[in-house]
Amino acid sequence: MKEILKKGLWENHPIFRQLLGMCPTLAVTTSALNGLSMGLAVTFVLIFSSLVVSLIRKIVPPQVRIAVYTIIIATFVTLADVFLKAQFPQISKALGPYVPLIVVNCIILGRAEAFASRNTPLRAIVDSLGMSLGFIWGLLVLGSLREILGNGSIFGVTILGPYFERWVVMILPAGAFLVLGFLVAFMNFLEKRKLNAIRPPSLKLRRTVLRSFSEGGR
């Protein structure tokens, strides 16, 4: 269970590893609050849709499984959309059409098809929770960086005074691509360092060791 949970948080991160859900990732992360709100909405839909898909996995004919999964996902997306409009109208307005578009989010449909439909409900929930938490922290980091650099604030609270010259590009679509590109590169850098740390000695090092043994034998 721990390995399933950890995969969504880092190894198979939906944004920085699999590059899934790019539409909301690039569109709504103009602020940390928008990123967090979208992440929570996706979490609700992903967990409950994965649970239902896992529960009915043995009774759904293979020929119609994608259509059934889409209907299940659309049901929970509608619930999330109505809830946001009723309780948080400002956030709903800020997120715009990207909440209804959760229906076609590749993360949700992909986990339903690749994992939930082949595993028990408990494992499906753990998997969806890991992917959801990974998606949330990815959106939160992306939205926070864009808001800090673009507006000098985070969650609406100003942290950089008037002396800071705001980078207007960060709250524009181009800023989303720039920040995402740097974050993906940083993730790849960290992964490369990790692999180098556990990689066996290089061929050059092995030759040096063998040479020292041979010289010692002489």
C-alpha atoms as a PDB file:
ATOM      1  CA  MET A   1       0.000   0.000   0.000  1.00  0.00           C
ATOM      2  CA  LYS A   2       2.857   2.379   0.807  1.00  0.00           C
ATOM      3  CA  GLU A   3       4.449   1.765  -2.581  1.00  0.00           C
ATOM      4  CA  ILE A   4       1.149   2.422  -4.356  1.00  0.00           C
ATOM      5  CA  LEU A   5       0.726   5.675  -2.432  1.00  0.00           C
ATOM      6  CA  LYS A   6       4.299   6.839  -3.016  1.00  0.00           C
ATOM      7  CA  LYS A   7       4.163   6.289  -6.768  1.00  0.00           C
ATOM      8  CA  GLY A   8       1.633   9.070  -7.255  1.00  0.00           C
ATOM      9  CA  LEU A   9       3.546  11.424  -5.005  1.00  0.00           C
ATOM     10  CA  TRP A  10       6.863  11.181  -6.847  1.00  0.00           C
ATOM     11  CA  GLU A  11       7.778   8.226  -9.066  1.00  0.00           C
ATOM     12  CA  ASN A  12       4.704   8.415 -11.323  1.00  0.00           C
ATOM     13  CA  HIS A  13       3.757  12.002 -10.552  1.00  0.00           C
ATOM     14  CA  PRO A  14       0.831  12.864 -12.849  1.00  0.00           C
ATOM     15  CA  ILE A  15       2.136  16.319 -13.791  1.00  0.00           C
ATOM     16  CA  PHE A  16       5.925  16.230 -13.660  1.00  0.00           C
ATOM     17  CA  ARG A  17       6.417  12.601 -14.694  1.00  0.00           C
ATOM     18  CA  GLN A  18       3.468  11.556 -16.834  1.00  0.00           C
ATOM     19  CA  LEU A  19       2.544  15.062 -18.038  1.00  0.00           C
ATOM     20  CA  LEU A  20      -1.166  14.360 -17.614  1.00  0.00           C
ATOM     21  CA  GLY A  21      -3.916  16.872 -16.920  1.00  0.00           C
ATOM     22  CA  MET A  22      -2.037  19.646 -18.680  1.00  0.00           C
ATOM     23  CA  CYS A  23      -5.191  21.613 -19.511  1.00  0.00           C
ATOM     24  CA  PRO A  24      -6.106  22.593 -15.915  1.00  0.00           C
ATOM     25  CA  THR A  25      -2.455  22.592 -14.883  1.00  0.00           C
ATOM     26  CA  LEU A  26      -1.581  25.366 -17.296  1.00  0.00           C
ATOM     27  CA  ALA A  27      -4.903  27.232 -17.227  1.00  0.00           C
ATOM     28  CA  VAL A  28      -5.919  27.622 -13.578  1.00  0.00           C
ATOM     29  CA  THR A  29      -2.588  27.938 -11.781  1.00  0.00           C
ATOM     30  CA  THR A  30      -2.485  31.732 -11.934  1.00  0.00           C
ATOM     31  CA  SER A  31      -2.706  31.625  -8.129  1.00  0.00           C
ATOM     32  CA  ALA A  32      -2.072  29.153  -5.336  1.00  0.00           C
ATOM     33  CA  LEU A  33      -5.744  29.203  -4.300  1.00  0.00           C
ATOM     34  CA  ASN A  34      -6.938  28.287  -7.790  1.00  0.00           C
ATOM     35  CA  GLY A  35      -4.418  25.452  -7.974  1.00  0.00           C
ATOM     36  CA  LEU A  36      -5.452  24.096  -4.581  1.00  0.00           C
ATOM     37  CA  SER A  37      -9.152  24.338  -5.449  1.00  0.00           C
ATOM     38  CA  MET A  38      -8.720  22.475  -8.715  1.00  0.00           C
ATOM     39  CA  GLY A  39      -6.601  19.850  -6.973  1.00  0.00           C
ATOM     40  CA  LEU A  40      -9.272  19.238  -4.335  1.00  0.00           C
ATOM     41  CA  ALA A  41     -12.000  18.992  -6.984  1.00  0.00           C
ATOM     42  CA  VAL A  42      -9.965  16.422  -8.921  1.00  0.00           C
ATOM     43  CA  THR A  43      -9.273  14.547  -5.667  1.00  0.00           C
ATOM     44  CA  PHE A  44     -12.975  14.210  -4.922  1.00  0.00           C
ATOM     45  CA  VAL A  45     -13.778  12.980  -8.427  1.00  0.00           C
ATOM     46  CA  LEU A  46     -10.791  10.642  -8.667  1.00  0.00           C
ATOM     47  CA  ILE A  47     -11.275   8.904  -5.311  1.00  0.00           C
ATOM     48  CA  PHE A  48     -15.005   8.296  -5.631  1.00  0.00           C
ATOM     49  CA  SER A  49     -14.963   7.371  -9.312  1.00  0.00           C
ATOM     50  CA  SER A  50     -12.103   4.903  -8.695  1.00  0.00           C
ATOM     51  CA  LEU A  51     -14.036   3.395  -5.807  1.00  0.00           C
ATOM     52  CA  VAL A  52     -17.188   2.895  -7.891  1.00  0.00           C
ATOM     53  CA  VAL A  53     -15.241   1.539 -10.874  1.00  0.00           C
ATOM     54  CA  SER A  54     -13.491  -0.964  -8.606  1.00  0.00           C
ATOM     55  CA  LEU A  55     -16.767  -2.069  -7.052  1.00  0.00           C
ATOM     56  CA  ILE A  56     -18.446  -2.779 -10.394  1.00  0.00           C
ATOM     57  CA  ARG A  57     -15.341  -4.000 -12.241  1.00  0.00           C
ATOM     58  CA  LYS A  58     -16.617  -7.599 -12.471  1.00  0.00           C
ATOM     59  CA  ILE A  59     -20.077  -6.801 -13.806  1.00  0.00           C
ATOM     60  CA  VAL A  60     -19.263  -4.237 -16.525  1.00  0.00           C
ATOM     61  CA  PRO A  61     -18.902  -5.797 -20.003  1.00  0.00           C
ATOM     62  CA  PRO A  62     -15.525  -4.995 -21.583  1.00  0.00           C
ATOM     63  CA  GLN A  63     -17.195  -3.563 -24.694  1.00  0.00           C
ATOM     64  CA  VAL A  64     -18.817  -0.661 -22.792  1.00  0.00           C
ATOM     65  CA  ARG A  65     -16.371  -0.118 -19.943  1.00  0.00           C
ATOM     66  CA  ILE A  66     -15.037   3.242 -21.202  1.00  0.00           C
ATOM     67  CA  ALA A  67     -18.564   4.604 -21.667  1.00  0.00           C
ATOM     68  CA  VAL A  68     -19.541   3.417 -18.187  1.00  0.00           C
ATOM     69  CA  TYR A  69     -16.414   4.939 -16.636  1.00  0.00           C
ATOM     70  CA  THR A  70     -17.124   8.250 -18.370  1.00  0.00           C
ATOM     71  CA  ILE A  71     -20.686   8.341 -17.007  1.00  0.00           C
ATOM     72  CA  ILE A  72     -19.428   7.613 -13.482  1.00  0.00           C
ATOM     73  CA  ILE A  73     -16.784  10.328 -13.710  1.00  0.00           C
ATOM     74  CA  ALA A  74     -19.275  12.826 -15.171  1.00  0.00           C
ATOM     75  CA  THR A  75     -21.632  12.190 -12.254  1.00  0.00           C
ATOM     76  CA  PHE A  76     -19.040  13.111  -9.643  1.00  0.00           C
ATOM     77  CA  VAL A  77     -17.796  16.046 -11.727  1.00  0.00           C
ATOM     78  CA  THR A  78     -21.341  17.421 -11.802  1.00  0.00           C
ATOM     79  CA  LEU A  79     -21.558  17.102  -8.013  1.00  0.00           C
ATOM     80  CA  ALA A  80     -18.247  18.942  -7.591  1.00  0.00           C
ATOM     81  CA  ASP A  81     -19.264  21.667 -10.043  1.00  0.00           C
ATOM     82  CA  VAL A  82     -22.639  22.274  -8.373  1.00  0.00           C
ATOM     83  CA  PHE A  83     -21.021  22.332  -4.922  1.00  0.00           C
ATOM     84  CA  LEU A  84     -18.447  24.936  -5.971  1.00  0.00           C
ATOM     85  CA  LYS A  85     -21.093  27.119  -7.605  1.00  0.00           C
ATOM     86  CA  ALA A  86     -23.290  26.970  -4.487  1.00  0.00           C
ATOM     87  CA  GLN A  87     -20.675  27.327  -1.761  1.00  0.00           C
ATOM     88  CA  PHE A  88     -17.705  29.043  -3.436  1.00  0.00           C
ATOM     89  CA  PRO A  89     -19.032  31.078  -6.380  1.00  0.00           C
ATOM     90  CA  GLN A  90     -15.875  33.189  -6.698  1.00  0.00           C
ATOM     91  CA  ILE A  91     -13.647  30.121  -6.968  1.00  0.00           C
ATOM     92  CA  SER A  92     -16.103  28.507  -9.380  1.00  0.00           C
ATOM     93  CA  LYS A  93     -15.981  31.618 -11.558  1.00  0.00           C
ATOM     94  CA  ALA A  94     -12.176  31.703 -11.434  1.00  0.00           C
ATOM     95  CA  LEU A  95     -11.880  28.059 -12.462  1.00  0.00           C
ATOM     96  CA  GLY A  96     -14.407  28.604 -15.237  1.00  0.00           C
ATOM     97  CA  PRO A  97     -15.028  25.714 -17.650  1.00  0.00           C
ATOM     98  CA  TYR A  98     -12.112  23.677 -16.344  1.00  0.00           C
ATOM     99  CA  VAL A  99     -14.164  22.031 -13.599  1.00  0.00           C
ATOM    100  CA  PRO A 100     -16.591  20.421 -16.104  1.00  0.00           C
ATOM    101  CA  LEU A 101     -13.560  19.458 -18.191  1.00  0.00           C
ATOM    102  CA  ILE A 102     -12.422  17.170 -15.356  1.00  0.00           C
ATOM    103  CA  VAL A 103     -14.625  14.599 -17.114  1.00  0.00           C
ATOM    104  CA  VAL A 104     -11.989  14.225 -19.828  1.00  0.00           C
ATOM    105  CA  ASN A 105      -8.996  14.556 -17.516  1.00  0.00           C
ATOM    106  CA  CYS A 106      -6.540  11.844 -18.511  1.00  0.00           C
ATOM    107  CA  ILE A 107      -5.508  11.249 -14.906  1.00  0.00           C
ATOM    108  CA  ILE A 108      -8.981  10.148 -13.828  1.00  0.00           C
ATOM    109  CA  LEU A 109      -9.884   8.053 -16.846  1.00  0.00           C
ATOM    110  CA  GLY A 110      -6.386   6.602 -16.967  1.00  0.00           C
ATOM    111  CA  ARG A 111      -6.433   5.449 -13.333  1.00  0.00           C
ATOM    112  CA  ALA A 112      -9.927   4.042 -13.743  1.00  0.00           C
ATOM    113  CA  GLU A 113      -8.852   1.971 -16.745  1.00  0.00           C
ATOM    114  CA  ALA A 114      -5.310   1.054 -15.690  1.00  0.00           C
ATOM    115  CA  PHE A 115      -5.746   0.452 -11.961  1.00  0.00           C
ATOM    116  CA  ALA A 116      -9.224   0.727 -10.433  1.00  0.00           C
ATOM    117  CA  SER A 117     -10.798  -1.686 -12.911  1.00  0.00           C
ATOM    118  CA  ARG A 118      -8.217  -4.347 -12.014  1.00  0.00           C
ATOM    119  CA  ASN A 119      -7.828  -3.992  -8.261  1.00  0.00           C
ATOM    120  CA  THR A 120      -9.818  -4.140  -5.037  1.00  0.00           C
ATOM    121  CA  PRO A 121     -11.629  -1.037  -3.748  1.00  0.00           C
ATOM    122  CA  LEU A 122      -9.065  -0.445  -0.985  1.00  0.00           C
ATOM    123  CA  ARG A 123      -6.125  -0.530  -3.383  1.00  0.00           C
ATOM    124  CA  ALA A 124      -8.035   1.682  -5.820  1.00  0.00           C
ATOM    125  CA  ILE A 125      -8.635   4.270  -3.088  1.00  0.00           C
ATOM    126  CA  VAL A 126      -4.971   4.242  -2.043  1.00  0.00           C
ATOM    127  CA  ASP A 127      -3.846   4.646  -5.652  1.00  0.00           C
ATOM    128  CA  SER A 128      -6.274   7.503  -6.327  1.00  0.00           C
ATOM    129  CA  LEU A 129      -5.265   9.182  -3.062  1.00  0.00           C
ATOM    130  CA  GLY A 130      -1.588   9.057  -4.016  1.00  0.00           C
ATOM    131  CA  MET A 131      -2.266  10.440  -7.488  1.00  0.00           C
ATOM    132  CA  SER A 132      -4.547  13.128  -6.045  1.00  0.00           C
ATOM    133  CA  LEU A 133      -2.007  14.280  -3.461  1.00  0.00           C
ATOM    134  CA  GLY A 134       0.661  14.388  -6.161  1.00  0.00           C
ATOM    135  CA  PHE A 135      -1.636  16.420  -8.391  1.00  0.00           C
ATOM    136  CA  ILE A 136      -2.455  18.809  -5.525  1.00  0.00           C
ATOM    137  CA  TRP A 137       1.137  19.538  -4.562  1.00  0.00           C
ATOM    138  CA  GLY A 138       2.078  19.923  -8.218  1.00  0.00           C
ATOM    139  CA  LEU A 139      -0.669  22.510  -8.820  1.00  0.00           C
ATOM    140  CA  LEU A 140       0.095  24.197  -5.505  1.00  0.00           C
ATOM    141  CA  VAL A 141       3.786  24.635  -6.295  1.00  0.00           C
ATOM    142  CA  LEU A 142       3.070  25.815  -9.823  1.00  0.00           C
ATOM    143  CA  GLY A 143       0.345  28.241  -8.703  1.00  0.00           C
ATOM    144  CA  SER A 144       2.417  29.559  -5.790  1.00  0.00           C
ATOM    145  CA  LEU A 145       5.449  30.307  -7.954  1.00  0.00           C
ATOM    146  CA  ARG A 146       3.340  32.073 -10.579  1.00  0.00           C
ATOM    147  CA  GLU A 147       1.444  34.108  -7.994  1.00  0.00           C
ATOM    148  CA  ILE A 148       4.580  35.129  -6.092  1.00  0.00           C
ATOM    149  CA  LEU A 149       6.458  36.195  -9.213  1.00  0.00           C
ATOM    150  CA  GLY A 150       3.415  37.639 -10.993  1.00  0.00           C
ATOM    151  CA  ASN A 151       1.629  39.413  -8.135  1.00  0.00           C
ATOM    152  CA  GLY A 152       4.084  39.389  -5.243  1.00  0.00           C
ATOM    153  CA  SER A 153       1.582  37.489  -3.089  1.00  0.00           C
ATOM    154  CA  ILE A 154       0.535  33.978  -2.097  1.00  0.00           C
ATOM    155  CA  PHE A 155      -3.047  32.980  -1.287  1.00  0.00           C
ATOM    156  CA  GLY A 156      -3.883  36.653  -1.762  1.00  0.00           C
ATOM    157  CA  VAL A 157      -1.491  37.810   0.987  1.00  0.00           C
ATOM    158  CA  THR A 158       1.183  40.236  -0.228  1.00  0.00           C
ATOM    159  CA  ILE A 159       4.651  39.039   0.739  1.00  0.00           C
ATOM    160  CA  LEU A 160       6.763  41.169  -1.618  1.00  0.00           C
ATOM    161  CA  GLY A 161       6.570  44.930  -1.132  1.00  0.00           C
ATOM    162  CA  PRO A 162       6.249  47.678  -3.736  1.00  0.00           C
ATOM    163  CA  TYR A 163       9.970  47.488  -4.418  1.00  0.00           C
ATOM    164  CA  PHE A 164       9.423  44.171  -6.201  1.00  0.00           C
ATOM    165  CA  GLU A 165       8.847  44.529  -9.926  1.00  0.00           C
ATOM    166  CA  ARG A 166       6.161  42.030 -10.823  1.00  0.00           C
ATOM    167  CA  TRP A 167       6.749  39.623 -13.675  1.00  0.00           C
ATOM    168  CA  VAL A 168       3.537  40.056 -15.629  1.00  0.00           C
ATOM    169  CA  VAL A 169       4.426  37.127 -17.888  1.00  0.00           C
ATOM    170  CA  MET A 170       3.923  34.759 -14.945  1.00  0.00           C
ATOM    171  CA  ILE A 171       0.163  35.315 -14.852  1.00  0.00           C
ATOM    172  CA  LEU A 172      -0.077  34.887 -18.628  1.00  0.00           C
ATOM    173  CA  PRO A 173      -0.225  31.522 -20.463  1.00  0.00           C
ATOM    174  CA  ALA A 174       3.451  31.796 -21.381  1.00  0.00           C
ATOM    175  CA  GLY A 175       4.335  31.924 -17.689  1.00  0.00           C
ATOM    176  CA  ALA A 176       2.609  28.606 -17.101  1.00  0.00           C
ATOM    177  CA  PHE A 177       4.730  26.923 -19.778  1.00  0.00           C
ATOM    178  CA  LEU A 178       7.932  28.486 -18.435  1.00  0.00           C
ATOM    179  CA  VAL A 179       7.381  27.498 -14.814  1.00  0.00           C
ATOM    180  CA  LEU A 180       6.189  24.012 -15.761  1.00  0.00           C
ATOM    181  CA  GLY A 181       9.245  23.495 -17.955  1.00  0.00           C
ATOM    182  CA  PHE A 182      11.637  24.522 -15.174  1.00  0.00           C
ATOM    183  CA  LEU A 183       9.850  22.295 -12.640  1.00  0.00           C
ATOM    184  CA  VAL A 184       9.942  19.276 -14.958  1.00  0.00           C
ATOM    185  CA  ALA A 185      13.653  19.892 -15.585  1.00  0.00           C
ATOM    186  CA  PHE A 186      14.273  20.181 -11.835  1.00  0.00           C
ATOM    187  CA  MET A 187      12.440  16.906 -11.195  1.00  0.00           C
ATOM    188  CA  ASN A 188      14.519  15.200 -13.888  1.00  0.00           C
ATOM    189  CA  PHE A 189      17.691  16.620 -12.327  1.00  0.00           C
ATOM    190  CA  LEU A 190      16.784  15.252  -8.902  1.00  0.00           C
ATOM    191  CA  GLU A 191      15.912  11.861 -10.374  1.00  0.00           C
ATOM    192  CA  LYS A 192      19.206  11.751 -12.257  1.00  0.00           C
ATOM    193  CA  ARG A 193      21.142  12.527  -9.085  1.00  0.00           C
ATOM    194  CA  LYS A 194      19.255   9.775  -7.277  1.00  0.00           C
ATOM    195  CA  LEU A 195      20.070   7.256  -9.999  1.00  0.00           C
ATOM    196  CA  ASN A 196      23.730   8.274 -10.010  1.00  0.00           C
ATOM    197  CA  ALA A 197      23.882   7.796  -6.253  1.00  0.00           C
ATOM    198  CA  ILE A 198      22.708   4.178  -6.446  1.00  0.00           C
ATOM    199  CA  ARG A 199      24.373   3.308  -9.756  1.00  0.00           C
ATOM    200  CA  PRO A 200      27.191   0.712  -9.576  1.00  0.00           C
ATOM    201  CA  PRO A 201      30.801   1.898 -10.065  1.00  0.00           C
ATOM    202  CA  SER A 202      31.637   3.076 -13.554  1.00  0.00           C
ATOM    203  CA  LEU A 203      33.772   1.138 -15.983  1.00  0.00           C
ATOM    204  CA  LYS A 204      36.646   3.551 -15.416  1.00  0.00           C
ATOM    205  CA  LEU A 205      36.556   2.971 -11.663  1.00  0.00           C
ATOM    206  CA  ARG A 206      36.446  -0.796 -12.113  1.00  0.00           C
ATOM    207  CA  ARG A 207      39.485  -0.629 -14.401  1.00  0.00           C
ATOM    208  CA  THR A 208      41.333   1.418 -11.780  1.00  0.00           C
ATOM    209  CA  VAL A 209      40.554  -1.140  -9.085  1.00  0.00           C
ATOM    210  CA  LEU A 210      41.608  -4.054 -11.293  1.00  0.00           C
ATOM    211  CA  ARG A 211      44.833  -2.257 -12.213  1.00  0.00           C
ATOM    212  CA  SER A 212      45.677  -1.670  -8.567  1.00  0.00           C
ATOM    213  CA  PHE A 213      45.095  -5.353  -7.776  1.00  0.00           C
ATOM    214  CA  SER A 214      47.284  -6.461 -10.693  1.00  0.00           C
ATOM    215  CA  GLU A 215      50.083  -4.096  -9.684  1.00  0.00           C
ATOM    216  CA  GLY A 216      49.857  -5.307  -6.134  1.00  0.00           C
ATOM    217  CA  GLY A 217      50.161  -8.896  -7.324  1.00  0.00           C
ATOM    218  CA  ARG A 218      53.335  -8.078  -9.183  1.00  0.00           C
END
